[in-house]
């Protein structure tokens, strides 16, 4: 239990330090809605996944790496059945990769 609380606290601190980036990722996930939980008024549904993705995004070197990362986050958070096929994450990966490159060039 203490380990889970520490993890949540670290995520919260990371989210605050990287608010714009995490919100951008969360918004993209909400728009693309890879697991079908967008009910139009629950715009924070993907906040945790956005933080997890942004924490590791700098290790990605290709769109394929980003797709694998995003997919793995969803498998870890939910399961393979809910996450669905990795191909569902291709558009998300392409957009995140473009944004990642833009962030990296600043």
Protein backbone atom coordinates (compact mmCIF):
# COMPACT_ATOMS: atom_id res chain seq x y z
CA UNK A 1 0.00 0.00 0.00
CA UNK A 2 2.80 2.43 0.89
CA UNK A 3 4.52 1.67 -2.41
CA UNK A 4 1.33 2.54 -4.35
CA UNK A 5 1.00 5.83 -2.44
CA UNK A 6 4.62 6.74 -3.21
CA UNK A 7 4.05 5.95 -6.88
CA UNK A 8 0.95 8.17 -6.97
CA UNK A 9 2.83 10.99 -5.23
CA UNK A 10 5.70 10.75 -7.73
CA UNK A 11 3.20 10.82 -10.60
CA UNK A 12 1.49 13.85 -9.11
CA UNK A 13 4.79 15.74 -8.79
CA UNK A 14 5.81 14.74 -12.32
CA UNK A 15 2.40 15.82 -13.66
CA UNK A 16 2.73 19.25 -12.05
CA UNK A 17 6.25 19.76 -13.41
CA UNK A 18 5.14 18.69 -16.90
CA UNK A 19 1.57 19.93 -16.83
CA UNK A 20 1.29 21.18 -20.41
CA UNK A 21 2.79 18.04 -21.93
CA UNK A 22 0.73 15.67 -19.78
CA UNK A 23 -2.47 17.59 -20.53
CA UNK A 24 -1.68 17.50 -24.25
CA UNK A 25 -1.21 13.72 -24.14
CA UNK A 26 -4.32 13.21 -22.01
CA UNK A 27 -6.38 15.31 -24.43
CA UNK A 28 -5.09 13.30 -27.42
CA UNK A 29 -5.90 10.01 -25.68
CA UNK A 30 -9.37 11.29 -24.83
CA UNK A 31 -9.99 12.34 -28.43
CA UNK A 32 -8.71 9.06 -29.89
CA UNK A 33 -10.27 7.05 -27.04
CA UNK A 34 -8.48 3.75 -27.64
CA UNK A 35 -10.48 1.81 -25.03
CA UNK A 36 -13.88 3.48 -25.42
CA UNK A 37 -14.26 5.41 -22.16
CA UNK A 38 -14.92 8.87 -23.60
CA UNK A 39 -18.35 9.89 -22.33
CA UNK A 40 -17.74 13.53 -23.31
CA UNK A 41 -17.72 14.91 -19.76
CA UNK A 42 -15.00 12.74 -18.18
CA UNK A 43 -12.06 14.52 -19.77
CA UNK A 44 -9.59 13.45 -17.08
CA UNK A 45 -10.00 9.70 -17.71
CA UNK A 46 -6.61 9.32 -19.37
CA UNK A 47 -4.57 11.57 -17.04
CA UNK A 48 -2.70 8.70 -15.35
CA UNK A 49 -1.84 7.05 -18.65
CA UNK A 50 -0.66 10.39 -20.03
CA UNK A 51 1.78 10.80 -17.15
CA UNK A 52 3.10 7.25 -17.58
CA UNK A 53 3.56 7.79 -21.31
CA UNK A 54 5.33 11.14 -20.94
CA UNK A 55 7.65 9.73 -18.26
CA UNK A 56 9.08 7.28 -20.82
CA UNK A 57 8.50 9.10 -24.10
CA UNK A 58 12.05 10.47 -24.21
CA UNK A 59 13.37 6.90 -24.62
CA UNK A 60 11.44 6.41 -27.87
CA UNK A 61 13.36 6.75 -31.11
CA UNK A 62 10.64 5.95 -33.64
CA UNK A 63 6.88 5.96 -34.15
CA UNK A 64 7.00 2.21 -33.60
CA UNK A 65 8.68 2.75 -30.21
CA UNK A 66 5.96 5.21 -29.23
CA UNK A 67 3.22 2.82 -30.34
CA UNK A 68 4.76 0.03 -28.28
CA UNK A 69 5.08 2.33 -25.25
CA UNK A 70 1.48 3.56 -25.41
CA UNK A 71 0.15 0.06 -25.95
CA UNK A 72 2.19 -1.31 -23.05
CA UNK A 73 0.91 1.41 -20.72
CA UNK A 74 -2.66 0.45 -21.58
CA UNK A 75 -1.96 -3.27 -21.17
CA UNK A 76 -0.33 -2.59 -17.79
CA UNK A 77 -3.15 -0.33 -16.61
CA UNK A 78 -6.00 -2.49 -17.87
CA UNK A 79 -5.19 -5.77 -19.65
CA UNK A 80 -4.61 -7.05 -23.17
CA UNK A 81 -8.28 -7.63 -23.84
CA UNK A 82 -9.32 -4.11 -22.85
CA UNK A 83 -6.28 -2.54 -24.53
CA UNK A 84 -7.13 -4.30 -27.79
CA UNK A 85 -4.71 -4.74 -30.68
CA UNK A 86 -1.56 -2.65 -30.85
CA UNK A 87 -2.68 -1.31 -34.25
CA UNK A 88 -5.34 0.79 -32.45
CA UNK A 89 -2.48 2.94 -31.14
CA UNK A 90 -0.87 3.84 -34.48
CA UNK A 91 -2.54 7.27 -34.88
CA UNK A 92 -1.82 8.18 -31.27
CA UNK A 93 1.82 7.14 -31.70
CA UNK A 94 2.25 9.22 -34.85
CA UNK A 95 0.83 12.34 -33.21
CA UNK A 96 2.84 11.86 -30.03
CA UNK A 97 6.01 11.29 -32.00
CA UNK A 98 5.49 14.56 -33.91
CA UNK A 99 4.87 16.44 -30.68
CA UNK A 100 7.85 14.75 -29.04
CA UNK A 101 10.12 15.88 -31.85
CA UNK A 102 8.77 19.41 -31.60
CA UNK A 103 9.39 19.44 -27.85
CA UNK A 104 12.88 18.09 -28.40
CA UNK A 105 13.74 20.82 -30.92
CA UNK A 106 12.83 23.69 -28.61
